[in-house]
């Protein structure tokens, strides 16, 4: 059975989340029971903002950069990222991203297994 699910941008609500990004959950199996084993969110950082260092204990995360320029930090590694880049973030790695460009940094967050609040923690030195 095919189950068509379409989410429109006007249906999304944004709010600041634990890591400080402005985020809207797009797809999550707890809200969209179509048999997926991932969650999808849209995140933004305004010019000059950075997310807080955090980690997901068990889940793999991928950022797909839609717009803007940033600096991605994963553990001790640092890389510049821009529109079209995909970033793989292994489970358990401390990560954060900085908006280094002019304007918004916009990216998709794909998490597998799906994001759970109890799997995420801030890491403050």
PDB file of N, CA and C in Angstrom:
ATOM      1  N   UNK A   1       0.844  -1.181   0.000  1.00  0.00           N
ATOM      2  CA  UNK A   1       0.000   0.000   0.000  1.00  0.00           C
ATOM      3  C   UNK A   1       0.891   1.246   0.000  1.00  0.00           C
ATOM      4  N   UNK A   2       0.646   2.157  -0.913  1.00  0.00           N
ATOM      5  CA  UNK A   2       1.367   3.426  -0.975  1.00  0.00           C
ATOM      6  C   UNK A   2       0.639   4.409  -0.067  1.00  0.00           C
ATOM      7  N   UNK A   3       1.433   5.138   0.692  1.00  0.00           N
ATOM      8  CA  UNK A   3       0.857   6.106   1.612  1.00  0.00           C
ATOM      9  C   UNK A   3       1.488   7.459   1.317  1.00  0.00           C
ATOM     10  N   UNK A   4       0.769   8.318   0.606  1.00  0.00           N
ATOM     11  CA  UNK A   4       1.288   9.616   0.201  1.00  0.00           C
ATOM     12  C   UNK A   4       1.166  10.605   1.353  1.00  0.00           C
ATOM     13  N   UNK A   5       2.291  11.208   1.685  1.00  0.00           N
ATOM     14  CA  UNK A   5       2.328  12.191   2.762  1.00  0.00           C
ATOM     15  C   UNK A   5       3.061  13.420   2.256  1.00  0.00           C
ATOM     16  N   UNK A   6       2.413  14.555   2.273  1.00  0.00           N
ATOM     17  CA  UNK A   6       3.013  15.803   1.819  1.00  0.00           C
ATOM     18  C   UNK A   6       2.900  16.814   2.950  1.00  0.00           C
ATOM     19  N   UNK A   7       4.020  17.417   3.314  1.00  0.00           N
ATOM     20  CA  UNK A   7       4.030  18.470   4.336  1.00  0.00           C
ATOM     21  C   UNK A   7       4.379  19.790   3.647  1.00  0.00           C
ATOM     22  N   UNK A   8       3.575  20.793   3.849  1.00  0.00           N
ATOM     23  CA  UNK A   8       3.762  22.109   3.237  1.00  0.00           C
ATOM     24  C   UNK A   8       4.525  23.038   4.181  1.00  0.00           C
ATOM     25  N   UNK A   9       5.349  23.944   3.624  1.00  0.00           N
ATOM     26  CA  UNK A   9       6.094  24.890   4.474  1.00  0.00           C
ATOM     27  C   UNK A   9       5.199  25.715   5.394  1.00  0.00           C
ATOM     28  N   UNK A  10       4.012  26.069   4.934  1.00  0.00           N
ATOM     29  CA  UNK A  10       3.106  26.883   5.763  1.00  0.00           C
ATOM     30  C   UNK A  10       2.592  26.140   6.992  1.00  0.00           C
ATOM     31  N   UNK A  11       2.725  24.805   6.998  1.00  0.00           N
ATOM     32  CA  UNK A  11       2.246  24.000   8.124  1.00  0.00           C
ATOM     33  C   UNK A  11       3.273  23.907   9.253  1.00  0.00           C
ATOM     34  N   UNK A  12       4.478  24.422   9.045  1.00  0.00           N
ATOM     35  CA  UNK A  12       5.557  24.237  10.003  1.00  0.00           C
ATOM     36  C   UNK A  12       5.602  25.358  11.034  1.00  0.00           C
ATOM     37  N   UNK A  13       5.953  24.960  12.260  1.00  0.00           N
ATOM     38  CA  UNK A  13       6.210  25.925  13.331  1.00  0.00           C
ATOM     39  C   UNK A  13       7.675  25.820  13.711  1.00  0.00           C
ATOM     40  N   UNK A  14       8.313  26.950  13.969  1.00  0.00           N
ATOM     41  CA  UNK A  14       9.721  26.988  14.345  1.00  0.00           C
ATOM     42  C   UNK A  14       9.864  27.437  15.784  1.00  0.00           C
ATOM     43  N   UNK A  15      10.874  26.898  16.443  1.00  0.00           N
ATOM     44  CA  UNK A  15      11.193  27.306  17.799  1.00  0.00           C
ATOM     45  C   UNK A  15      12.652  26.998  18.100  1.00  0.00           C
ATOM     46  N   UNK A  16      13.184  27.655  19.109  1.00  0.00           N
ATOM     47  CA  UNK A  16      14.564  27.389  19.530  1.00  0.00           C
ATOM     48  C   UNK A  16      14.576  26.074  20.297  1.00  0.00           C
ATOM     49  N   UNK A  17      15.538  25.220  19.971  1.00  0.00           N
ATOM     50  CA  UNK A  17      15.650  23.909  20.601  1.00  0.00           C
ATOM     51  C   UNK A  17      16.892  23.863  21.491  1.00  0.00           C
ATOM     52  N   UNK A  18      17.136  22.715  22.112  1.00  0.00           N
ATOM     53  CA  UNK A  18      18.199  22.538  23.096  1.00  0.00           C
ATOM     54  C   UNK A  18      19.547  23.083  22.637  1.00  0.00           C
ATOM     55  N   UNK A  19      19.922  22.840  21.378  1.00  0.00           N
ATOM     56  CA  UNK A  19      21.234  23.278  20.895  1.00  0.00           C
ATOM     57  C   UNK A  19      21.247  24.726  20.417  1.00  0.00           C
ATOM     58  N   UNK A  20      20.111  25.415  20.503  1.00  0.00           N
ATOM     59  CA  UNK A  20      20.059  26.833  20.142  1.00  0.00           C
ATOM     60  C   UNK A  20      19.659  27.122  18.711  1.00  0.00           C
ATOM     61  N   UNK A  21      19.502  26.093  17.883  1.00  0.00           N
ATOM     62  CA  UNK A  21      19.067  26.350  16.516  1.00  0.00           C
ATOM     63  C   UNK A  21      17.572  26.653  16.485  1.00  0.00           C
ATOM     64  N   UNK A  22      17.175  27.351  15.444  1.00  0.00           N
ATOM     65  CA  UNK A  22      15.773  27.596  15.163  1.00  0.00           C
ATOM     66  C   UNK A  22      15.326  26.414  14.316  1.00  0.00           C
ATOM     67  N   UNK A  23      14.397  25.596  14.809  1.00  0.00           N
ATOM     68  CA  UNK A  23      14.130  24.309  14.186  1.00  0.00           C
ATOM     69  C   UNK A  23      12.640  24.042  14.021  1.00  0.00           C
ATOM     70  N   UNK A  24      12.329  23.340  12.927  1.00  0.00           N
ATOM     71  CA  UNK A  24      10.974  22.854  12.688  1.00  0.00           C
ATOM     72  C   UNK A  24      11.062  21.386  12.320  1.00  0.00           C
ATOM     73  N   UNK A  25      10.362  20.556  13.071  1.00  0.00           N
ATOM     74  CA  UNK A  25      10.302  19.134  12.748  1.00  0.00           C
ATOM     75  C   UNK A  25       9.391  18.964  11.536  1.00  0.00           C
ATOM     76  N   UNK A  26       9.913  18.316  10.493  1.00  0.00           N
ATOM     77  CA  UNK A  26       9.131  18.116   9.276  1.00  0.00           C
ATOM     78  C   UNK A  26       8.456  16.747   9.293  1.00  0.00           C
ATOM     79  N   UNK A  27       9.252  15.698   9.489  1.00  0.00           N
ATOM     80  CA  UNK A  27       8.735  14.334   9.529  1.00  0.00           C
ATOM     81  C   UNK A  27       9.298  13.600  10.734  1.00  0.00           C
ATOM     82  N   UNK A  28       8.424  12.918  11.461  1.00  0.00           N
ATOM     83  CA  UNK A  28       8.857  12.087  12.584  1.00  0.00           C
ATOM     84  C   UNK A  28       7.847  10.953  12.723  1.00  0.00           C
ATOM     85  N   UNK A  29       8.320   9.701  12.876  1.00  0.00           N
ATOM     86  CA  UNK A  29       7.378   8.590  12.933  1.00  0.00           C
ATOM     87  C   UNK A  29       6.348   8.674  14.060  1.00  0.00           C
ATOM     88  N   UNK A  30       6.651   9.400  15.136  1.00  0.00           N
ATOM     89  CA  UNK A  30       5.650   9.511  16.204  1.00  0.00           C
ATOM     90  C   UNK A  30       4.453  10.347  15.762  1.00  0.00           C
ATOM     91  N   UNK A  31       4.669  11.241  14.772  1.00  0.00           N
ATOM     92  CA  UNK A  31       3.585  12.083  14.255  1.00  0.00           C
ATOM     93  C   UNK A  31       3.103  11.647  12.880  1.00  0.00           C
ATOM     94  N   UNK A  32       3.955  10.935  12.154  1.00  0.00           N
ATOM     95  CA  UNK A  32       3.677  10.549  10.776  1.00  0.00           C
ATOM     96  C   UNK A  32       3.890   9.041  10.636  1.00  0.00           C
ATOM     97  N   UNK A  33       2.895   8.241  11.005  1.00  0.00           N
ATOM     98  CA  UNK A  33       3.072   6.782  11.043  1.00  0.00           C
ATOM     99  C   UNK A  33       3.034   6.133   9.657  1.00  0.00           C
ATOM    100  N   UNK A  34       4.110   6.349   8.896  1.00  0.00           N
ATOM    101  CA  UNK A  34       4.190   5.764   7.553  1.00  0.00           C
ATOM    102  C   UNK A  34       5.330   4.751   7.442  1.00  0.00           C
ATOM    103  N   UNK A  35       5.904   4.334   8.567  1.00  0.00           N
ATOM    104  CA  UNK A  35       6.907   3.278   8.563  1.00  0.00           C
ATOM    105  C   UNK A  35       8.332   3.712   8.296  1.00  0.00           C
ATOM    106  N   UNK A  36       8.674   4.965   8.556  1.00  0.00           N
ATOM    107  CA  UNK A  36      10.053   5.425   8.330  1.00  0.00           C
ATOM    108  C   UNK A  36      10.895   5.228   9.584  1.00  0.00           C
ATOM    109  N   UNK A  37      12.198   5.008   9.376  1.00  0.00           N
ATOM    110  CA  UNK A  37      13.116   4.832  10.500  1.00  0.00           C
ATOM    111  C   UNK A  37      14.098   6.000  10.585  1.00  0.00           C
ATOM    112  N   UNK A  38      13.582   7.202  10.387  1.00  0.00           N
ATOM    113  CA  UNK A  38      14.383   8.413  10.496  1.00  0.00           C
ATOM    114  C   UNK A  38      13.450   9.565  10.841  1.00  0.00           C
ATOM    115  N   UNK A  39      14.042  10.686  11.214  1.00  0.00           N
ATOM    116  CA  UNK A  39      13.277  11.920  11.363  1.00  0.00           C
ATOM    117  C   UNK A  39      13.957  12.987  10.514  1.00  0.00           C
ATOM    118  N   UNK A  40      13.192  13.987  10.132  1.00  0.00           N
ATOM    119  CA  UNK A  40      13.682  15.053   9.271  1.00  0.00           C
ATOM    120  C   UNK A  40      13.235  16.381   9.849  1.00  0.00           C
ATOM    121  N   UNK A  41      14.190  17.300   9.987  1.00  0.00           N
ATOM    122  CA  UNK A  41      13.876  18.638  10.502  1.00  0.00           C
ATOM    123  C   UNK A  41      14.595  19.678   9.657  1.00  0.00           C
ATOM    124  N   UNK A  42      14.064  20.889   9.667  1.00  0.00           N
ATOM    125  CA  UNK A  42      14.709  22.035   9.018  1.00  0.00           C
ATOM    126  C   UNK A  42      15.237  22.937  10.121  1.00  0.00           C
ATOM    127  N   UNK A  43      16.528  23.275  10.040  1.00  0.00           N
ATOM    128  CA  UNK A  43      17.153  24.116  11.068  1.00  0.00           C
ATOM    129  C   UNK A  43      17.732  25.372  10.428  1.00  0.00           C
ATOM    130  N   UNK A  44      17.781  26.440  11.215  1.00  0.00           N
ATOM    131  CA  UNK A  44      18.372  27.700  10.759  1.00  0.00           C
ATOM    132  C   UNK A  44      19.172  28.335  11.874  1.00  0.00           C
ATOM    133  N   UNK A  45      20.230  29.007  11.461  1.00  0.00           N
ATOM    134  CA  UNK A  45      20.994  29.881  12.345  1.00  0.00           C
ATOM    135  C   UNK A  45      21.107  31.227  11.654  1.00  0.00           C
ATOM    136  N   UNK A  46      20.792  32.269  12.367  1.00  0.00           N
ATOM    137  CA  UNK A  46      20.903  33.623  11.820  1.00  0.00           C
ATOM    138  C   UNK A  46      22.381  34.011  11.722  1.00  0.00           C
ATOM    139  N   UNK A  47      22.640  35.056  10.991  1.00  0.00           N
ATOM    140  CA  UNK A  47      24.007  35.553  10.815  1.00  0.00           C
ATOM    141  C   UNK A  47      24.682  35.732  12.175  1.00  0.00           C
ATOM    142  N   UNK A  48      25.880  35.169  12.341  1.00  0.00           N
ATOM    143  CA  UNK A  48      26.650  35.302  13.570  1.00  0.00           C
ATOM    144  C   UNK A  48      26.305  34.296  14.659  1.00  0.00           C
ATOM    145  N   UNK A  49      25.279  33.478  14.460  1.00  0.00           N
ATOM    146  CA  UNK A  49      24.891  32.496  15.471  1.00  0.00           C
ATOM    147  C   UNK A  49      25.639  31.179  15.294  1.00  0.00           C
ATOM    148  N   UNK A  50      25.666  30.401  16.366  1.00  0.00           N
ATOM    149  CA  UNK A  50      26.222  29.049  16.346  1.00  0.00           C
ATOM    150  C   UNK A  50      25.349  28.167  17.232  1.00  0.00           C
ATOM    151  N   UNK A  51      25.280  26.900  16.890  1.00  0.00           N
ATOM    152  CA  UNK A  51      24.590  25.968  17.782  1.00  0.00           C
ATOM    153  C   UNK A  51      25.501  25.678  18.970  1.00  0.00           C
ATOM    154  N   UNK A  52      24.920  25.177  20.038  1.00  0.00           N
ATOM    155  CA  UNK A  52      25.699  24.802  21.213  1.00  0.00           C
ATOM    156  C   UNK A  52      26.290  23.404  21.011  1.00  0.00           C
ATOM    157  N   UNK A  53      27.473  23.141  21.566  1.00  0.00           N
ATOM    158  CA  UNK A  53      28.033  21.791  21.460  1.00  0.00           C
ATOM    159  C   UNK A  53      27.080  20.768  22.082  1.00  0.00           C
ATOM    160  N   UNK A  54      26.813  19.709  21.319  1.00  0.00           N
ATOM    161  CA  UNK A  54      25.881  18.673  21.761  1.00  0.00           C
ATOM    162  C   UNK A  54      26.241  17.360  21.085  1.00  0.00           C
ATOM    163  N   UNK A  55      25.605  16.289  21.536  1.00  0.00           N
ATOM    164  CA  UNK A  55      25.804  14.990  20.896  1.00  0.00           C
ATOM    165  C   UNK A  55      24.526  14.170  20.990  1.00  0.00           C
ATOM    166  N   UNK A  56      24.400  13.285  20.019  1.00  0.00           N
ATOM    167  CA  UNK A  56      23.348  12.271  20.039  1.00  0.00           C
ATOM    168  C   UNK A  56      24.033  10.969  20.423  1.00  0.00           C
ATOM    169  N   UNK A  57      23.535  10.303  21.434  1.00  0.00           N
ATOM    170  CA  UNK A  57      24.196   9.120  21.958  1.00  0.00           C
ATOM    171  C   UNK A  57      24.168   7.928  21.032  1.00  0.00           C
ATOM    172  N   UNK A  58      23.021   7.657  20.419  1.00  0.00           N
ATOM    173  CA  UNK A  58      22.859   6.445  19.616  1.00  0.00           C
ATOM    174  C   UNK A  58      22.579   6.715  18.147  1.00  0.00           C
ATOM    175  N   UNK A  59      22.095   7.872  17.806  1.00  0.00           N
ATOM    176  CA  UNK A  59      21.643   8.130  16.441  1.00  0.00           C
ATOM    177  C   UNK A  59      22.744   8.711  15.561  1.00  0.00           C
ATOM    178  N   UNK A  60      22.662   8.380  14.288  1.00  0.00           N
ATOM    179  CA  UNK A  60      23.463   8.994  13.239  1.00  0.00           C
ATOM    180  C   UNK A  60      22.705  10.226  12.769  1.00  0.00           C
ATOM    181  N   UNK A  61      23.438  11.295  12.473  1.00  0.00           N
ATOM    182  CA  UNK A  61      22.791  12.497  11.965  1.00  0.00           C
ATOM    183  C   UNK A  61      23.493  12.935  10.689  1.00  0.00           C
ATOM    184  N   UNK A  62      22.712  13.461   9.766  1.00  0.00           N
ATOM    185  CA  UNK A  62      23.251  14.049   8.543  1.00  0.00           C
ATOM    186  C   UNK A  62      22.682  15.450   8.429  1.00  0.00           C
ATOM    187  N   UNK A  63      23.563  16.424   8.194  1.00  0.00           N
ATOM    188  CA  UNK A  63      23.125  17.776   7.862  1.00  0.00           C
ATOM    189  C   UNK A  63      23.256  17.918   6.352  1.00  0.00           C
ATOM    190  N   UNK A  64      22.237  18.457   5.718  1.00  0.00           N
ATOM    191  CA  UNK A  64      22.310  18.814   4.308  1.00  0.00           C
ATOM    192  C   UNK A  64      22.120  20.315   4.222  1.00  0.00           C
ATOM    193  N   UNK A  65      23.169  21.018   3.800  1.00  0.00           N
ATOM    194  CA  UNK A  65      23.153  22.483   3.794  1.00  0.00           C
ATOM    195  C   UNK A  65      22.343  22.980   2.593  1.00  0.00           C
ATOM    196  N   UNK A  66      21.311  23.753   2.880  1.00  0.00           N
ATOM    197  CA  UNK A  66      20.448  24.307   1.840  1.00  0.00           C
ATOM    198  C   UNK A  66      20.894  25.683   1.385  1.00  0.00           C
ATOM    199  N   UNK A  67      21.337  26.495   2.342  1.00  0.00           N
ATOM    200  CA  UNK A  67      21.622  27.899   2.055  1.00  0.00           C
ATOM    201  C   UNK A  67      22.633  28.418   3.067  1.00  0.00           C
ATOM    202  N   UNK A  68      23.535  29.276   2.614  1.00  0.00           N
ATOM    203  CA  UNK A  68      24.481  29.937   3.497  1.00  0.00           C
ATOM    204  C   UNK A  68      25.814  29.218   3.585  1.00  0.00           C
ATOM    205  N   UNK A  69      26.630  29.714   4.501  1.00  0.00           N
ATOM    206  CA  UNK A  69      27.964  29.181   4.734  1.00  0.00           C
ATOM    207  C   UNK A  69      28.165  28.992   6.218  1.00  0.00           C
ATOM    208  N   UNK A  70      28.902  27.940   6.570  1.00  0.00           N
ATOM    209  CA  UNK A  70      29.126  27.674   7.976  1.00  0.00           C
ATOM    210  C   UNK A  70      30.433  26.963   8.218  1.00  0.00           C
ATOM    211  N   UNK A  71      30.712  26.753   9.490  1.00  0.00           N
ATOM    212  CA  UNK A  71      31.868  25.982   9.925  1.00  0.00           C
ATOM    213  C   UNK A  71      31.332  24.862  10.807  1.00  0.00           C
ATOM    214  N   UNK A  72      31.575  23.621  10.382  1.00  0.00           N
ATOM    215  CA  UNK A  72      31.095  22.434  11.086  1.00  0.00           C
ATOM    216  C   UNK A  72      32.193  21.901  11.983  1.00  0.00           C
ATOM    217  N   UNK A  73      31.851  21.635  13.240  1.00  0.00           N
ATOM    218  CA  UNK A  73      32.782  21.072  14.219  1.00  0.00           C
ATOM    219  C   UNK A  73      32.252  19.703  14.632  1.00  0.00           C
ATOM    220  N   UNK A  74      33.054  18.665  14.449  1.00  0.00           N
ATOM    221  CA  UNK A  74      32.707  17.315  14.898  1.00  0.00           C
ATOM    222  C   UNK A  74      33.933  16.773  15.612  1.00  0.00           C
ATOM    223  N   UNK A  75      33.829  16.605  16.924  1.00  0.00           N
ATOM    224  CA  UNK A  75      34.998  16.222  17.704  1.00  0.00           C
ATOM    225  C   UNK A  75      36.071  17.287  17.534  1.00  0.00           C
ATOM    226  N   UNK A  76      37.271  16.882  17.136  1.00  0.00           N
ATOM    227  CA  UNK A  76      38.378  17.820  16.920  1.00  0.00           C
ATOM    228  C   UNK A  76      38.460  18.294  15.471  1.00  0.00           C
ATOM    229  N   UNK A  77      37.594  17.770  14.601  1.00  0.00           N
ATOM    230  CA  UNK A  77      37.637  18.122  13.185  1.00  0.00           C
ATOM    231  C   UNK A  77      36.781  19.353  12.900  1.00  0.00           C
ATOM    232  N   UNK A  78      37.271  20.194  11.991  1.00  0.00           N
ATOM    233  CA  UNK A  78      36.583  21.426  11.616  1.00  0.00           C
ATOM    234  C   UNK A  78      36.626  21.545  10.092  1.00  0.00           C
ATOM    235  N   UNK A  79      35.454  21.815   9.496  1.00  0.00           N
ATOM    236  CA  UNK A  79      35.386  21.969   8.042  1.00  0.00           C
ATOM    237  C   UNK A  79      34.413  23.076   7.685  1.00  0.00           C
ATOM    238  N   UNK A  80      34.744  23.832   6.638  1.00  0.00           N
ATOM    239  CA  UNK A  80      33.811  24.805   6.100  1.00  0.00           C
ATOM    240  C   UNK A  80      32.756  24.072   5.279  1.00  0.00           C
ATOM    241  N   UNK A  81      31.514  24.541   5.365  1.00  0.00           N
ATOM    242  CA  UNK A  81      30.409  23.937   4.621  1.00  0.00           C
ATOM    243  C   UNK A  81      29.590  25.032   3.948  1.00  0.00           C
ATOM    244  N   UNK A  82      28.930  24.650   2.854  1.00  0.00           N
ATOM    245  CA  UNK A  82      28.073  25.596   2.138  1.00  0.00           C
ATOM    246  C   UNK A  82      26.984  24.829   1.409  1.00  0.00           C
ATOM    247  N   UNK A  83      26.105  25.562   0.746  1.00  0.00           N
ATOM    248  CA  UNK A  83      24.936  24.975   0.080  1.00  0.00           C
ATOM    249  C   UNK A  83      25.341  23.789  -0.792  1.00  0.00           C
ATOM    250  N   UNK A  84      24.599  22.691  -0.631  1.00  0.00           N
ATOM    251  CA  UNK A  84      24.850  21.480  -1.392  1.00  0.00           C
ATOM    252  C   UNK A  84      25.690  20.455  -0.666  1.00  0.00           C
ATOM    253  N   UNK A  85      26.342  20.844   0.432  1.00  0.00           N
ATOM    254  CA  UNK A  85      27.184  19.916   1.190  1.00  0.00           C
ATOM    255  C   UNK A  85      26.326  19.039   2.102  1.00  0.00           C
ATOM    256  N   UNK A  86      26.732  17.777   2.221  1.00  0.00           N
ATOM    257  CA  UNK A  86      26.124  16.847   3.173  1.00  0.00           C
ATOM    258  C   UNK A  86      27.186  16.498   4.203  1.00  0.00           C
ATOM    259  N   UNK A  87      26.826  16.518   5.473  1.00  0.00           N
ATOM    260  CA  UNK A  87      27.757  16.268   6.573  1.00  0.00           C
ATOM    261  C   UNK A  87      27.270  15.066   7.374  1.00  0.00           C
ATOM    262  N   UNK A  88      28.097  14.037   7.470  1.00  0.00           N
ATOM    263  CA  UNK A  88      27.783  12.849   8.274  1.00  0.00           C
ATOM    264  C   UNK A  88      28.311  13.065   9.685  1.00  0.00           C
ATOM    265  N   UNK A  89      27.450  12.839  10.689  1.00  0.00           N
ATOM    266  CA  UNK A  89      27.818  13.014  12.091  1.00  0.00           C
ATOM    267  C   UNK A  89      27.598  11.675  12.804  1.00  0.00           C
ATOM    268  N   UNK A  90      28.689  11.004  13.182  1.00  0.00           N
ATOM    269  CA  UNK A  90      28.559   9.694  13.842  1.00  0.00           C
ATOM    270  C   UNK A  90      27.917   9.819  15.221  1.00  0.00           C
ATOM    271  N   UNK A  91      27.297   8.755  15.703  1.00  0.00           N
ATOM    272  CA  UNK A  91      26.719   8.785  17.048  1.00  0.00           C
ATOM    273  C   UNK A  91      27.804   9.016  18.098  1.00  0.00           C
ATOM    274  N   UNK A  92      27.444   9.748  19.141  1.00  0.00           N
ATOM    275  CA  UNK A  92      28.349   9.972  20.261  1.00  0.00           C
ATOM    276  C   UNK A  92      29.358  11.083  20.066  1.00  0.00           C
ATOM    277  N   UNK A  93      29.426  11.685  18.875  1.00  0.00           N
ATOM    278  CA  UNK A  93      30.414  12.749  18.611  1.00  0.00           C
ATOM    279  C   UNK A  93      29.858  14.116  19.018  1.00  0.00           C
ATOM    280  N   UNK A  94      30.696  14.880  19.708  1.00  0.00           N
ATOM    281  CA  UNK A  94      30.322  16.251  20.044  1.00  0.00           C
ATOM    282  C   UNK A  94      30.358  17.065  18.755  1.00  0.00           C
ATOM    283  N   UNK A  95      29.310  17.838  18.536  1.00  0.00           N
ATOM    284  CA  UNK A  95      29.177  18.593  17.292  1.00  0.00           C
ATOM    285  C   UNK A  95      28.555  19.953  17.541  1.00  0.00           C
ATOM    286  N   UNK A  96      28.913  20.891  16.674  1.00  0.00           N
ATOM    287  CA  UNK A  96      28.183  22.153  16.582  1.00  0.00           C
ATOM    288  C   UNK A  96      28.521  22.798  15.249  1.00  0.00           C
ATOM    289  N   UNK A  97      27.688  23.726  14.837  1.00  0.00           N
ATOM    290  CA  UNK A  97      27.881  24.406  13.565  1.00  0.00           C
ATOM    291  C   UNK A  97      27.738  25.902  13.783  1.00  0.00           C
ATOM    292  N   UNK A  98      28.603  26.665  13.110  1.00  0.00           N
ATOM    293  CA  UNK A  98      28.584  28.124  13.188  1.00  0.00           C
ATOM    294  C   UNK A  98      28.146  28.697  11.849  1.00  0.00           C
ATOM    295  N   UNK A  99      27.349  29.737  11.871  1.00  0.00           N
ATOM    296  CA  UNK A  99      27.024  30.470  10.659  1.00  0.00           C
ATOM    297  C   UNK A  99      28.152  31.468  10.424  1.00  0.00           C
ATOM    298  N   UNK A 100      28.923  31.259   9.370  1.00  0.00           N
ATOM    299  CA  UNK A 100      30.067  32.134   9.082  1.00  0.00           C
ATOM    300  C   UNK A 100      29.802  33.056   7.905  1.00  0.00           C
ATOM    301  N   UNK A 101      28.599  33.004   7.363  1.00  0.00           N
ATOM    302  CA  UNK A 101      28.304  33.813   6.182  1.00  0.00           C
ATOM    303  C   UNK A 101      27.456  35.020   6.494  1.00  0.00           C
ATOM    304  N   UNK A 102      27.062  35.686   5.436  1.00  0.00           N
ATOM    305  CA  UNK A 102      26.146  36.814   5.537  1.00  0.00           C
ATOM    306  C   UNK A 102      24.755  36.281   5.248  1.00  0.00           C
ATOM    307  N   UNK A 103      23.837  36.447   6.152  1.00  0.00           N
ATOM    308  CA  UNK A 103      22.492  35.910   5.992  1.00  0.00           C
ATOM    309  C   UNK A 103      22.333  34.614   6.759  1.00  0.00           C
ATOM    310  N   UNK A 104      21.198  33.964   6.551  1.00  0.00           N
ATOM    311  CA  UNK A 104      20.869  32.739   7.291  1.00  0.00           C
ATOM    312  C   UNK A 104      21.672  31.544   6.805  1.00  0.00           C
ATOM    313  N   UNK A 105      21.946  30.625   7.728  1.00  0.00           N
ATOM    314  CA  UNK A 105      22.446  29.292   7.413  1.00  0.00           C
ATOM    315  C   UNK A 105      21.256  28.362   7.591  1.00  0.00           C
ATOM    316  N   UNK A 106      20.871  27.670   6.527  1.00  0.00           N
ATOM    317  CA  UNK A 106      19.683  26.825   6.526  1.00  0.00           C
ATOM    318  C   UNK A 106      20.101  25.409   6.154  1.00  0.00           C
ATOM    319  N   UNK A 107      19.621  24.418   6.933  1.00  0.00           N
ATOM    320  CA  UNK A 107      20.013  23.044   6.655  1.00  0.00           C
ATOM    321  C   UNK A 107      18.960  22.058   7.135  1.00  0.00           C
ATOM    322  N   UNK A 108      18.953  20.897   6.477  1.00  0.00           N
ATOM    323  CA  UNK A 108      18.099  19.800   6.891  1.00  0.00           C
ATOM    324  C   UNK A 108      18.876  18.922   7.860  1.00  0.00           C
ATOM    325  N   UNK A 109      18.189  18.350   8.835  1.00  0.00           N
ATOM    326  CA  UNK A 109      18.768  17.420   9.808  1.00  0.00           C
ATOM    327  C   UNK A 109      18.033  16.093   9.660  1.00  0.00           C
ATOM    328  N   UNK A 110      18.750  15.080   9.244  1.00  0.00           N
ATOM    329  CA  UNK A 110      18.181  13.740   9.087  1.00  0.00           C
ATOM    330  C   UNK A 110      18.782  12.885  10.197  1.00  0.00           C
ATOM    331  N   UNK A 111      17.949  12.259  11.010  1.00  0.00           N
ATOM    332  CA  UNK A 111      18.414  11.498  12.172  1.00  0.00           C
ATOM    333  C   UNK A 111      17.852  10.082  12.094  1.00  0.00           C
ATOM    334  N   UNK A 112      18.762   9.087  12.244  1.00  0.00           N
ATOM    335  CA  UNK A 112      18.352   7.684  12.216  1.00  0.00           C
ATOM    336  C   UNK A 112      19.110   6.901  13.284  1.00  0.00           C
ATOM    337  N   UNK A 113      18.424   6.154  14.157  1.00  0.00           N
ATOM    338  CA  UNK A 113      16.968   6.098  14.269  1.00  0.00           C
ATOM    339  C   UNK A 113      16.411   7.480  14.609  1.00  0.00           C
ATOM    340  N   UNK A 114      15.107   7.666  14.512  1.00  0.00           N
ATOM    341  CA  UNK A 114      14.509   8.987  14.691  1.00  0.00           C
ATOM    342  C   UNK A 114      14.948   9.678  15.981  1.00  0.00           C
ATOM    343  N   UNK A 115      15.045  11.013  15.895  1.00  0.00           N
ATOM    344  CA  UNK A 115      15.473  11.824  17.033  1.00  0.00           C
ATOM    345  C   UNK A 115      14.583  11.570  18.243  1.00  0.00           C
ATOM    346  N   UNK A 116      15.249  11.468  19.404  1.00  0.00           N
ATOM    347  CA  UNK A 116      14.559  11.364  20.702  1.00  0.00           C
ATOM    348  C   UNK A 116      15.244  12.321  21.661  1.00  0.00           C
ATOM    349  N   UNK A 117      14.489  13.061  22.406  1.00  0.00           N
ATOM    350  CA  UNK A 117      15.045  14.028  23.355  1.00  0.00           C
ATOM    351  C   UNK A 117      16.015  13.418  24.333  1.00  0.00           C
ATOM    352  N   UNK A 118      15.722  12.184  24.807  1.00  0.00           N
ATOM    353  CA  UNK A 118      16.591  11.549  25.791  1.00  0.00           C
ATOM    354  C   UNK A 118      17.917  11.081  25.199  1.00  0.00           C
ATOM    355  N   UNK A 119      18.058  11.116  23.871  1.00  0.00           N
ATOM    356  CA  UNK A 119      19.309  10.716  23.206  1.00  0.00           C
ATOM    357  C   UNK A 119      20.237  11.912  22.998  1.00  0.00           C
ATOM    358  N   UNK A 120      19.748  13.124  23.208  1.00  0.00           N
ATOM    359  CA  UNK A 120      20.548  14.322  22.949  1.00  0.00           C
ATOM    360  C   UNK A 120      20.965  14.977  24.261  1.00  0.00           C
ATOM    361  N   UNK A 121      22.219  15.426  24.291  1.00  0.00           N
ATOM    362  CA  UNK A 121      22.691  16.158  25.475  1.00  0.00           C
ATOM    363  C   UNK A 121      23.635  17.280  25.076  1.00  0.00           C
ATOM    364  N   UNK A 122      23.546  18.386  25.796  1.00  0.00           N
ATOM    365  CA  UNK A 122      24.495  19.485  25.627  1.00  0.00           C
ATOM    366  C   UNK A 122      25.817  19.063  26.257  1.00  0.00           C
ATOM    367  N   UNK A 123      26.905  19.536  25.667  1.00  0.00           N
ATOM    368  CA  UNK A 123      28.240  19.237  26.182  1.00  0.00           C
ATOM    369  C   UNK A 123      28.932  20.559  26.437  1.00  0.00           C
ATOM    370  N   UNK A 124      28.980  20.952  27.680  1.00  0.00           N
ATOM    371  CA  UNK A 124      29.584  22.223  28.050  1.00  0.00           C
ATOM    372  C   UNK A 124      30.882  21.952  28.790  1.00  0.00           C
ATOM    373  N   UNK A 125      31.966  22.495  28.283  1.00  0.00           N
ATOM    374  CA  UNK A 125      33.278  22.299  28.942  1.00  0.00           C
ATOM    375  C   UNK A 125      33.456  23.217  30.123  1.00  0.00           C
TER     376      UNK A 125
END
